[in-house]
C-alpha atoms as a PDB file:
ATOM      1  CA  MET A   1     131.850-187.380  18.160  1.00  0.00           C
ATOM      2  CA  LEU A   2     134.368-185.270  16.374  1.00  0.00           C
ATOM      3  CA  PHE A   3     132.176-182.139  16.810  1.00  0.00           C
ATOM      4  CA  SER A   4     131.931-182.552  20.603  1.00  0.00           C
ATOM      5  CA  PHE A   5     135.753-183.119  20.786  1.00  0.00           C
ATOM      6  CA  CYS A   6     136.321-179.836  18.800  1.00  0.00           C
ATOM      7  CA  CYS A   7     133.893-177.972  21.097  1.00  0.00           C
ATOM      8  CA  SER A   8     135.768-179.091  24.145  1.00  0.00           C
ATOM      9  CA  LEU A   9     139.023-177.859  22.643  1.00  0.00           C
ATOM     10  CA  PHE A  10     137.659-174.481  21.496  1.00  0.00           C
ATOM     11  CA  PRO A  11     134.808-173.525  23.914  1.00  0.00           C
ATOM     12  CA  PRO A  12     132.600-170.619  22.767  1.00  0.00           C
ATOM     13  CA  PRO A  13     133.073-167.193  24.450  1.00  0.00           C
ATOM     14  CA  PRO A  14     130.901-166.565  27.547  1.00  0.00           C
ATOM     15  CA  ARG A  15     127.666-164.841  26.717  1.00  0.00           C
ATOM     16  CA  ARG A  16     126.820-161.567  28.433  1.00  0.00           C
ATOM     17  CA  CYS A  17     123.718-161.675  30.500  1.00  0.00           C
ATOM     18  CA  SER A  18     121.163-159.274  29.316  1.00  0.00           C
ATOM     19  CA  CYS A  19     119.533-159.123  32.739  1.00  0.00           C
ATOM     20  CA  SER A  20     122.679-157.725  34.404  1.00  0.00           C
ATOM     21  CA  SER A  21     123.087-154.921  31.848  1.00  0.00           C
ATOM     22  CA  SER A  22     119.443-154.020  32.107  1.00  0.00           C
ATOM     23  CA  ARG A  23     119.715-153.954  35.889  1.00  0.00           C
ATOM     24  CA  ARG A  24     122.740-151.647  35.629  1.00  0.00           C
ATOM     25  CA  ARG A  25     120.823-149.217  33.416  1.00  0.00           C
ATOM     26  CA  VAL A  26     118.004-149.116  35.946  1.00  0.00           C
ATOM     27  CA  VAL A  27     120.459-148.330  38.832  1.00  0.00           C
ATOM     28  CA  PHE A  28     122.109-145.571  36.865  1.00  0.00           C
ATOM     29  CA  ALA A  29     118.727-144.084  35.872  1.00  0.00           C
ATOM     30  CA  PHE A  30     117.703-144.171  39.609  1.00  0.00           C
ATOM     31  CA  LEU A  31     120.853-142.529  40.953  1.00  0.00           C
ATOM     32  CA  GLY A  32     120.963-139.903  38.294  1.00  0.00           C
ATOM     33  CA  SER A  33     123.337-138.721  35.738  1.00  0.00           C
ATOM     34  CA  ALA A  34     125.941-137.696  38.411  1.00  0.00           C
ATOM     35  CA  CYS A  35     126.825-141.321  39.064  1.00  0.00           C
ATOM     36  CA  VAL A  36     127.260-142.261  35.462  1.00  0.00           C
ATOM     37  CA  PRO A  37     131.034-142.794  34.846  1.00  0.00           C
ATOM     38  CA  LYS A  38     132.390-140.082  32.653  1.00  0.00           C
ATOM     39  CA  ALA A  39     134.507-140.727  29.633  1.00  0.00           C
ATOM     40  CA  PRO A  40     138.200-139.959  30.092  1.00  0.00           C
ATOM     41  CA  ALA A  41     139.041-136.368  29.027  1.00  0.00           C
ATOM     42  CA  LYS A  42     141.208-135.935  26.047  1.00  0.00           C
ATOM     43  CA  LYS A  43     144.761-134.820  26.841  1.00  0.00           C
ATOM     44  CA  VAL A  44     145.483-131.400  25.508  1.00  0.00           C
ATOM     45  CA  ALA A  45     148.850-131.221  23.848  1.00  0.00           C
ATOM     46  CA  ALA A  46     151.059-129.016  26.007  1.00  0.00           C
ATOM     47  CA  ALA A  47     152.751-126.129  24.262  1.00  0.00           C
ATOM     48  CA  ALA A  48     156.264-126.775  23.392  1.00  0.00           C
ATOM     49  CA  LYS A  49     158.496-125.149  26.061  1.00  0.00           C
ATOM     50  CA  THR A  50     161.435-123.087  24.992  1.00  0.00           C
ATOM     51  CA  LYS A  51     164.613-124.773  26.103  1.00  0.00           C
ATOM     52  CA  LYS A  52     166.791-122.500  28.254  1.00  0.00           C
ATOM     53  CA  THR A  53     170.313-122.216  27.086  1.00  0.00           C
ATOM     54  CA  THR A  54     172.859-122.896  29.910  1.00  0.00           C
ATOM     55  CA  ASN A  55     176.524-122.351  29.926  1.00  0.00           C
ATOM     56  CA  PRO A  56     178.260-125.743  29.789  1.00  0.00           C
ATOM     57  CA  LEU A  57     181.192-124.341  31.832  1.00  0.00           C
ATOM     58  CA  PHE A  58     179.007-123.869  34.924  1.00  0.00           C
ATOM     59  CA  GLU A  59     177.281-127.105  35.912  1.00  0.00           C
ATOM     60  CA  LYS A  60     174.437-126.971  38.375  1.00  0.00           C
ATOM     61  CA  SER A  61     175.329-129.015  41.480  1.00  0.00           C
ATOM     62  CA  PRO A  62     172.584-128.861  44.188  1.00  0.00           C
ATOM     63  CA  ARG A  63     173.869-129.012  47.775  1.00  0.00           C
ATOM     64  CA  ASN A  64     173.183-131.952  50.004  1.00  0.00           C
ATOM     65  CA  PHE A  65     172.332-130.996  53.587  1.00  0.00           C
ATOM     66  CA  GLY A  66     172.600-134.500  54.924  1.00  0.00           C
ATOM     67  CA  ILE A  67     174.829-135.540  57.861  1.00  0.00           C
ATOM     68  CA  GLY A  68     178.460-134.878  57.008  1.00  0.00           C
ATOM     69  CA  GLN A  69     177.574-133.065  53.742  1.00  0.00           C
ATOM     70  CA  ALA A  70     177.225-129.336  53.014  1.00  0.00           C
ATOM     71  CA  VAL A  71     177.222-126.742  55.802  1.00  0.00           C
ATOM     72  CA  GLN A  72     173.745-126.135  57.129  1.00  0.00           C
ATOM     73  CA  PRO A  73     172.126-122.750  56.454  1.00  0.00           C
ATOM     74  CA  LYS A  74     171.931-120.192  59.267  1.00  0.00           C
ATOM     75  CA  ARG A  75     168.774-120.457  61.355  1.00  0.00           C
ATOM     76  CA  ASP A  76     167.355-118.541  64.287  1.00  0.00           C
ATOM     77  CA  LEU A  77     168.221-120.750  67.296  1.00  0.00           C
ATOM     78  CA  THR A  78     167.290-118.271  69.999  1.00  0.00           C
ATOM     79  CA  ARG A  79     164.564-120.558  71.255  1.00  0.00           C
ATOM     80  CA  PHE A  80     167.025-123.416  71.765  1.00  0.00           C
ATOM     81  CA  VAL A  81     169.898-121.451  73.355  1.00  0.00           C
ATOM     82  CA  LYS A  82     170.994-122.526  76.813  1.00  0.00           C
ATOM     83  CA  TRP A  83     171.577-119.215  78.563  1.00  0.00           C
ATOM     84  CA  PRO A  84     174.576-118.803  80.848  1.00  0.00           C
ATOM     85  CA  GLU A  85     174.025-119.745  84.457  1.00  0.00           C
ATOM     86  CA  TYR A  86     174.246-116.190  85.778  1.00  0.00           C
ATOM     87  CA  VAL A  87     171.476-115.070  83.356  1.00  0.00           C
ATOM     88  CA  ARG A  88     169.242-117.999  84.408  1.00  0.00           C
ATOM     89  CA  LEU A  89     169.886-117.212  88.082  1.00  0.00           C
ATOM     90  CA  GLN A  90     169.014-113.546  87.583  1.00  0.00           C
ATOM     91  CA  ARG A  91     165.748-114.447  85.849  1.00  0.00           C
ATOM     92  CA  GLN A  92     164.777-117.048  88.462  1.00  0.00           C
ATOM     93  CA  LYS A  93     165.568-114.601  91.257  1.00  0.00           C
ATOM     94  CA  THR A  94     163.353-111.959  89.631  1.00  0.00           C
ATOM     95  CA  ILE A  95     160.414-114.471  89.291  1.00  0.00           C
ATOM     96  CA  LEU A  96     160.842-115.613  92.861  1.00  0.00           C
ATOM     97  CA  ARG A  97     160.776-112.047  94.144  1.00  0.00           C
ATOM     98  CA  GLN A  98     157.492-111.564  92.349  1.00  0.00           C
ATOM     99  CA  ARG A  99     155.932-114.812  93.544  1.00  0.00           C
ATOM    100  CA  LEU A 100     157.152-115.034  97.153  1.00  0.00           C
ATOM    101  CA  LYS A 101     156.171-112.589  99.916  1.00  0.00           C
ATOM    102  CA  VAL A 102     158.973-110.113 100.513  1.00  0.00           C
ATOM    103  CA  PRO A 103     159.314-108.612 104.069  1.00  0.00           C
ATOM    104  CA  PRO A 104     159.187-104.841 104.404  1.00  0.00           C
ATOM    105  CA  ALA A 105     162.869-104.475 105.287  1.00  0.00           C
ATOM    106  CA  VAL A 106     163.788-105.982 101.826  1.00  0.00           C
ATOM    107  CA  ASN A 107     160.757-104.602  99.935  1.00  0.00           C
ATOM    108  CA  GLN A 108     161.781-100.979 100.668  1.00  0.00           C
ATOM    109  CA  PHE A 109     164.655-101.384  98.134  1.00  0.00           C
ATOM    110  CA  SER A 110     162.141-101.804  95.318  1.00  0.00           C
ATOM    111  CA  LYS A 111     161.006 -98.187  95.805  1.00  0.00           C
ATOM    112  CA  THR A 112     163.732 -95.906  94.360  1.00  0.00           C
ATOM    113  CA  LEU A 113     164.198 -92.215  93.981  1.00  0.00           C
ATOM    114  CA  ASP A 114     162.252 -90.642  91.034  1.00  0.00           C
ATOM    115  CA  LYS A 115     164.182 -89.883  87.899  1.00  0.00           C
ATOM    116  CA  ASN A 116     164.297 -86.072  88.092  1.00  0.00           C
ATOM    117  CA  THR A 117     165.553 -86.044  91.688  1.00  0.00           C
ATOM    118  CA  ALA A 118     168.072 -88.800  90.910  1.00  0.00           C
ATOM    119  CA  VAL A 119     169.458 -86.727  87.976  1.00  0.00           C
ATOM    120  CA  GLN A 120     169.962 -83.756  90.288  1.00  0.00           C
ATOM    121  CA  ALA A 121     171.648 -86.007  92.900  1.00  0.00           C
ATOM    122  CA  PHE A 122     174.092 -87.439  90.366  1.00  0.00           C
ATOM    123  CA  LYS A 123     174.854 -84.009  88.946  1.00  0.00           C
ATOM    124  CA  LEU A 124     175.885 -82.928  92.483  1.00  0.00           C
ATOM    125  CA  LEU A 125     177.923 -86.037  93.028  1.00  0.00           C
ATOM    126  CA  ALA A 126     179.795 -85.523  89.738  1.00  0.00           C
ATOM    127  CA  LYS A 127     181.269 -82.279  91.211  1.00  0.00           C
ATOM    128  CA  TYR A 128     182.767 -84.114  94.151  1.00  0.00           C
ATOM    129  CA  ARG A 129     184.227 -87.181  92.521  1.00  0.00           C
ATOM    130  CA  PRO A 130     187.412 -88.465  94.240  1.00  0.00           C
ATOM    131  CA  GLU A 131     190.675 -88.097  92.381  1.00  0.00           C
ATOM    132  CA  THR A 132     191.853 -90.792  90.024  1.00  0.00           C
ATOM    133  CA  ALA A 133     195.121 -92.739  90.359  1.00  0.00           C
ATOM    134  CA  VAL A 134     196.720 -90.520  87.666  1.00  0.00           C
ATOM    135  CA  GLU A 135     195.570 -87.302  89.452  1.00  0.00           C
ATOM    136  CA  LYS A 136     196.882 -88.590  92.792  1.00  0.00           C
ATOM    137  CA  LYS A 137     200.235 -89.477  91.229  1.00  0.00           C
ATOM    138  CA  ALA A 138     200.563 -86.000  89.702  1.00  0.00           C
ATOM    139  CA  ARG A 139     199.712 -84.375  93.073  1.00  0.00           C
ATOM    140  CA  LEU A 140     202.253 -86.425  95.002  1.00  0.00           C
ATOM    141  CA  THR A 141     204.902 -85.739  92.345  1.00  0.00           C
ATOM    142  CA  ALA A 142     204.328 -82.030  92.529  1.00  0.00           C
ATOM    143  CA  ALA A 143     204.439 -82.150  96.316  1.00  0.00           C
ATOM    144  CA  ALA A 144     207.772 -84.083  96.169  1.00  0.00           C
ATOM    145  CA  GLU A 145     209.287 -81.610  93.742  1.00  0.00           C
ATOM    146  CA  SER A 146     208.216 -78.636  95.840  1.00  0.00           C
ATOM    147  CA  LYS A 147     209.740 -80.323  98.892  1.00  0.00           C
ATOM    148  CA  ILE A 148     213.067 -80.783  97.084  1.00  0.00           C
ATOM    149  CA  GLU A 149     213.118 -77.198  95.866  1.00  0.00           C
ATOM    150  CA  GLN A 150     211.759 -75.348  98.896  1.00  0.00           C
ATOM    151  CA  GLY A 151     212.566 -77.872 101.649  1.00  0.00           C
ATOM    152  CA  SER A 152     208.923 -78.160 102.799  1.00  0.00           C
ATOM    153  CA  VAL A 153     205.492 -78.924 101.372  1.00  0.00           C
ATOM    154  CA  PRO A 154     203.121 -75.941 101.294  1.00  0.00           C
ATOM    155  CA  PRO A 155     199.998 -76.559 103.419  1.00  0.00           C
ATOM    156  CA  THR A 156     196.838 -77.321 101.462  1.00  0.00           C
ATOM    157  CA  LYS A 157     193.171 -77.621 102.422  1.00  0.00           C
ATOM    158  CA  LYS A 158     191.575 -80.987 102.818  1.00  0.00           C
ATOM    159  CA  PRO A 159     189.808 -81.778  99.532  1.00  0.00           C
ATOM    160  CA  VAL A 160     186.011 -82.266  99.626  1.00  0.00           C
ATOM    161  CA  PHE A 161     185.121 -85.639  98.094  1.00  0.00           C
ATOM    162  CA  VAL A 162     182.257 -88.099  98.130  1.00  0.00           C
ATOM    163  CA  LYS A 163     182.800 -90.847 100.700  1.00  0.00           C
ATOM    164  CA  TYR A 164     182.256 -94.542  99.834  1.00  0.00           C
ATOM    165  CA  GLY A 165     182.714 -97.964 101.351  1.00  0.00           C
ATOM    166  CA  ILE A 166     179.983 -99.503 103.560  1.00  0.00           C
ATOM    167  CA  ASN A 167     182.155 -99.520 106.720  1.00  0.00           C
ATOM    168  CA  HIS A 168     183.213 -95.893 106.215  1.00  0.00           C
ATOM    169  CA  ILE A 169     179.674 -94.756 105.570  1.00  0.00           C
ATOM    170  CA  THR A 170     178.379 -96.673 108.609  1.00  0.00           C
ATOM    171  CA  ALA A 171     180.876 -94.908 110.816  1.00  0.00           C
ATOM    172  CA  LEU A 172     179.939 -91.518 109.301  1.00  0.00           C
ATOM    173  CA  VAL A 173     176.266 -92.142 109.939  1.00  0.00           C
ATOM    174  CA  GLU A 174     176.868 -93.228 113.502  1.00  0.00           C
ATOM    175  CA  ALA A 175     178.992 -90.058 114.082  1.00  0.00           C
ATOM    176  CA  LYS A 176     176.204 -87.961 112.345  1.00  0.00           C
ATOM    177  CA  ALA A 177     178.886 -86.595 110.054  1.00  0.00           C
ATOM    178  CA  ALA A 178     177.070 -87.499 106.776  1.00  0.00           C
ATOM    179  CA  GLN A 179     174.661 -84.941 105.330  1.00  0.00           C
ATOM    180  CA  LEU A 180     173.137 -87.242 102.701  1.00  0.00           C
ATOM    181  CA  VAL A 181     173.509 -90.999 102.088  1.00  0.00           C
ATOM    182  CA  LEU A 182     172.598 -92.643  98.734  1.00  0.00           C
ATOM    183  CA  ILE A 183     172.100 -96.438  98.793  1.00  0.00           C
ATOM    184  CA  ALA A 184     172.026 -98.745  95.756  1.00  0.00           C
ATOM    185  CA  HIS A 185     168.831-100.735  95.244  1.00  0.00           C
ATOM    186  CA  ASP A 186     170.432-103.880  93.708  1.00  0.00           C
ATOM    187  CA  VAL A 187     173.139-104.873  96.170  1.00  0.00           C
ATOM    188  CA  ASP A 188     173.714-108.577  96.419  1.00  0.00           C
ATOM    189  CA  PRO A 189     173.620-109.949  99.062  1.00  0.00           C
ATOM    190  CA  ILE A 190     171.070-107.485 100.441  1.00  0.00           C
ATOM    191  CA  GLU A 191     172.318-108.071 103.953  1.00  0.00           C
ATOM    192  CA  ILE A 192     175.211-105.642 103.285  1.00  0.00           C
ATOM    193  CA  VAL A 193     172.931-102.631 103.241  1.00  0.00           C
ATOM    194  CA  VAL A 194     169.653-103.828 104.704  1.00  0.00           C
ATOM    195  CA  PHE A 195     170.340-102.187 108.056  1.00  0.00           C
ATOM    196  CA  LEU A 196     171.437 -98.921 106.665  1.00  0.00           C
ATOM    197  CA  PRO A 197     168.023 -97.207 106.166  1.00  0.00           C
ATOM    198  CA  ALA A 198     167.036 -98.064 109.756  1.00  0.00           C
ATOM    199  CA  LEU A 199     170.356 -96.710 111.000  1.00  0.00           C
ATOM    200  CA  CYS A 200     169.902 -93.456 109.035  1.00  0.00           C
ATOM    201  CA  ARG A 201     166.405 -92.983 110.421  1.00  0.00           C
ATOM    202  CA  LYS A 202     167.627 -93.534 113.963  1.00  0.00           C
ATOM    203  CA  MET A 203     170.453 -91.044 113.609  1.00  0.00           C
ATOM    204  CA  GLY A 204     168.326 -88.502 111.652  1.00  0.00           C
ATOM    205  CA  VAL A 205     170.536 -88.658 108.568  1.00  0.00           C
ATOM    206  CA  PRO A 206     168.693 -88.114 105.190  1.00  0.00           C
ATOM    207  CA  TYR A 207     168.988 -91.111 102.909  1.00  0.00           C
ATOM    208  CA  ALA A 208     167.695 -92.242  99.515  1.00  0.00           C
ATOM    209  CA  ILE A 209     167.625 -95.519  97.571  1.00  0.00           C
ATOM    210  CA  VAL A 210     168.738 -95.070  93.951  1.00  0.00           C
ATOM    211  CA  LYS A 211     169.444 -97.056  90.840  1.00  0.00           C
ATOM    212  CA  SER A 212     172.003 -98.630  90.718  1.00  0.00           C
ATOM    213  CA  LYS A 213     175.281 -99.906  92.210  1.00  0.00           C
ATOM    214  CA  SER A 214     177.136 -99.624  88.923  1.00  0.00           C
ATOM    215  CA  ARG A 215     175.883 -95.939  88.569  1.00  0.00           C
ATOM    216  CA  LEU A 216     177.142 -95.167  92.110  1.00  0.00           C
ATOM    217  CA  GLY A 217     180.443 -96.973  91.348  1.00  0.00           C
ATOM    218  CA  ALA A 218     180.997 -94.884  88.253  1.00  0.00           C
ATOM    219  CA  VAL A 219     181.016 -91.767  90.415  1.00  0.00           C
ATOM    220  CA  VAL A 220     183.981 -93.031  92.521  1.00  0.00           C
ATOM    221  CA  HIS A 221     185.885 -94.756  89.664  1.00  0.00           C
ATOM    222  CA  LYS A 222     184.809 -98.299  90.615  1.00  0.00           C
ATOM    223  CA  LYS A 223     182.798-100.964  88.951  1.00  0.00           C
ATOM    224  CA  THR A 224     180.132-100.912  91.733  1.00  0.00           C
ATOM    225  CA  ALA A 225     179.497 -99.161  94.988  1.00  0.00           C
ATOM    226  CA  THR A 226     176.943-100.117  97.641  1.00  0.00           C
ATOM    227  CA  ALA A 227     176.475 -96.597  99.008  1.00  0.00           C
ATOM    228  CA  LEU A 228     177.827 -93.040  98.850  1.00  0.00           C
ATOM    229  CA  ALA A 229     177.787 -90.279 101.452  1.00  0.00           C
ATOM    230  CA  ILE A 230     178.100 -86.488 101.165  1.00  0.00           C
ATOM    231  CA  THR A 231     179.749 -84.999 104.203  1.00  0.00           C
ATOM    232  CA  ASP A 232     180.401 -81.440 102.994  1.00  0.00           C
ATOM    233  CA  VAL A 233     179.985 -79.260  99.919  1.00  0.00           C
ATOM    234  CA  ARG A 234     181.323 -75.953  98.726  1.00  0.00           C
ATOM    235  CA  SER A 235     179.373 -72.764  99.538  1.00  0.00           C
ATOM    236  CA  GLU A 236     178.038 -72.387  95.974  1.00  0.00           C
ATOM    237  CA  ASP A 237     176.423 -75.892  96.141  1.00  0.00           C
ATOM    238  CA  LYS A 238     174.777 -75.585  99.597  1.00  0.00           C
ATOM    239  CA  HIS A 239     171.446 -74.409  98.149  1.00  0.00           C
ATOM    240  CA  GLU A 240     171.363 -77.363  95.717  1.00  0.00           C
ATOM    241  CA  LEU A 241     172.113 -79.773  98.524  1.00  0.00           C
ATOM    242  CA  ALA A 242     169.372 -78.329 100.714  1.00  0.00           C
ATOM    243  CA  ALA A 243     166.788 -78.723  97.885  1.00  0.00           C
ATOM    244  CA  LEU A 244     167.930 -82.260  97.345  1.00  0.00           C
ATOM    245  CA  ILE A 245     167.641 -83.151 101.054  1.00  0.00           C
ATOM    246  CA  SER A 246     164.095 -81.662 101.263  1.00  0.00           C
ATOM    247  CA  ALA A 247     163.002 -83.785  98.255  1.00  0.00           C
ATOM    248  CA  VAL A 248     164.600 -86.895  99.718  1.00  0.00           C
ATOM    249  CA  LYS A 249     162.922 -86.424 103.141  1.00  0.00           C
ATOM    250  CA  GLY A 250     159.547 -86.257 101.524  1.00  0.00           C
ATOM    251  CA  ASN A 251     160.091 -89.538  99.703  1.00  0.00           C
ATOM    252  CA  PHE A 252     161.786 -91.613 102.375  1.00  0.00           C
ATOM    253  CA  ILE A 253     161.997 -90.154 105.901  1.00  0.00           C
ATOM    254  CA  GLU A 254     158.380 -89.081 106.119  1.00  0.00           C
ATOM    255  CA  ASN A 255     157.035 -92.379 104.793  1.00  0.00           C
ATOM    256  CA  THR A 256     158.739 -94.498 107.418  1.00  0.00           C
ATOM    257  CA  GLU A 257     155.550 -96.099 108.845  1.00  0.00           C
ATOM    258  CA  GLU A 258     154.224 -96.945 105.428  1.00  0.00           C
ATOM    259  CA  SER A 259     157.448 -98.597 104.376  1.00  0.00           C
ATOM    260  CA  ARG A 260     157.605-100.606 107.621  1.00  0.00           C
ATOM    261  CA  LYS A 261     154.229-102.167 107.021  1.00  0.00           C
ATOM    262  CA  GLN A 262     154.238-102.739 103.299  1.00  0.00           C
ATOM    263  CA  TRP A 263     155.097-106.252 102.217  1.00  0.00           C
ATOM    264  CA  GLY A 264     156.098-107.060  98.630  1.00  0.00           C
ATOM    265  CA  GLY A 265     155.706-109.950  96.250  1.00  0.00           C
ATOM    266  CA  GLY A 266     152.691-112.221  96.040  1.00  0.00           C
ATOM    267  CA  VAL A 267     152.225-111.479  92.289  1.00  0.00           C
ATOM    268  CA  MET A 268     151.319-114.755  90.572  1.00  0.00           C
ATOM    269  CA  GLY A 269     151.674-115.634  86.926  1.00  0.00           C
ATOM    270  CA  ARG A 270     149.003-115.657  84.185  1.00  0.00           C
ATOM    271  CA  LYS A 271     148.416-119.416  84.421  1.00  0.00           C
ATOM    272  CA  SER A 272     147.996-119.338  88.166  1.00  0.00           C
ATOM    273  CA  ASN A 273     145.630-116.356  87.976  1.00  0.00           C
ATOM    274  CA  ASP A 274     143.527-118.097  85.330  1.00  0.00           C
ATOM    275  CA  ALA A 275     143.263-121.223  87.473  1.00  0.00           C
ATOM    276  CA  SER A 276     142.224-119.210  90.495  1.00  0.00           C
ATOM    277  CA  ALA A 277     139.636-117.401  88.492  1.00  0.00           C
ATOM    278  CA  LYS A 278     138.287-120.705  87.205  1.00  0.00           C
ATOM    279  CA  ARG A 279     137.995-122.141  90.698  1.00  0.00           C
ATOM    280  CA  ALA A 280     136.232-118.990  91.946  1.00  0.00           C
ATOM    281  CA  LYS A 281     133.753-119.181  89.086  1.00  0.00           C
ATOM    282  CA  ILE A 282     132.953-122.895  89.830  1.00  0.00           C
ATOM    283  CA  ARG A 283     132.525-122.033  93.564  1.00  0.00           C
ATOM    284  CA  ALA A 284     130.228-119.144  92.768  1.00  0.00           C
ATOM    285  CA  LYS A 285     128.129-121.400  90.513  1.00  0.00           C
ATOM    286  CA  GLU A 286     127.843-124.038  93.262  1.00  0.00           C
ATOM    287  CA  LEU A 287     126.738-121.473  95.793  1.00  0.00           C
ATOM    288  CA  ALA A 288     124.118-120.140  93.404  1.00  0.00           C
ATOM    289  CA  HIS A 289     122.524-123.577  93.022  1.00  0.00           C
ATOM    290  CA  LYS A 290     122.230-124.098  96.803  1.00  0.00           C
END
């Protein structure tokens, strides 16, 4: 009675089943030595690191880049820049001109004078730049002084200058007084000069389309100029003007019929071209199966 009471108070430890351990040995033997659990590797004592001496006067204080904390480092934000409206409009306009069909009257302004001929033309124009405000003031002052001293202004020849201003040039072309007309290719709105090539052809006046309105404006001391006209040149420059007119006629006057028929635009983007090529490939495959 006392023995059973002691056994209930202190039960013997549970015995390990010999069958389970034998079964485990069989499984490990079947799976191979790869599945046998490896003994934990012994930790190798790391070499003692040399402690770096730091100056106690300068404490290391890492910066915190959280909201309202340290100033953020400079990053390249070009991808996220919102461009000014005029830049976006310029780029959209360029893309639209490539995608949409452009009529011949407008498309002719995309074909400009070649570089070598344009350089010759601007060299000739530089010789006949109109006088600046300072030069005009000096001329009028000299004329006023001579009038005071002599009582009259001595007669002078009319200066030979480049003519500018769309209304003035239109009148010169209609009167057949212009010998050569240079038109800017990037006038906006294009309606200001879109009629001028046809008018020059009708009146038999040589013309050329050049780059650009700012370049033409620099000749006449302005920011921009829509067109310039040469009415007369000095005797030493007549040969140069004749060579320039012959080059211009070959590029513009003689190619009238071609420029009248040639439409522009219709150039699609890469994604659109890839989609069109994919549809054409599918259509060709369907026709081959029929």
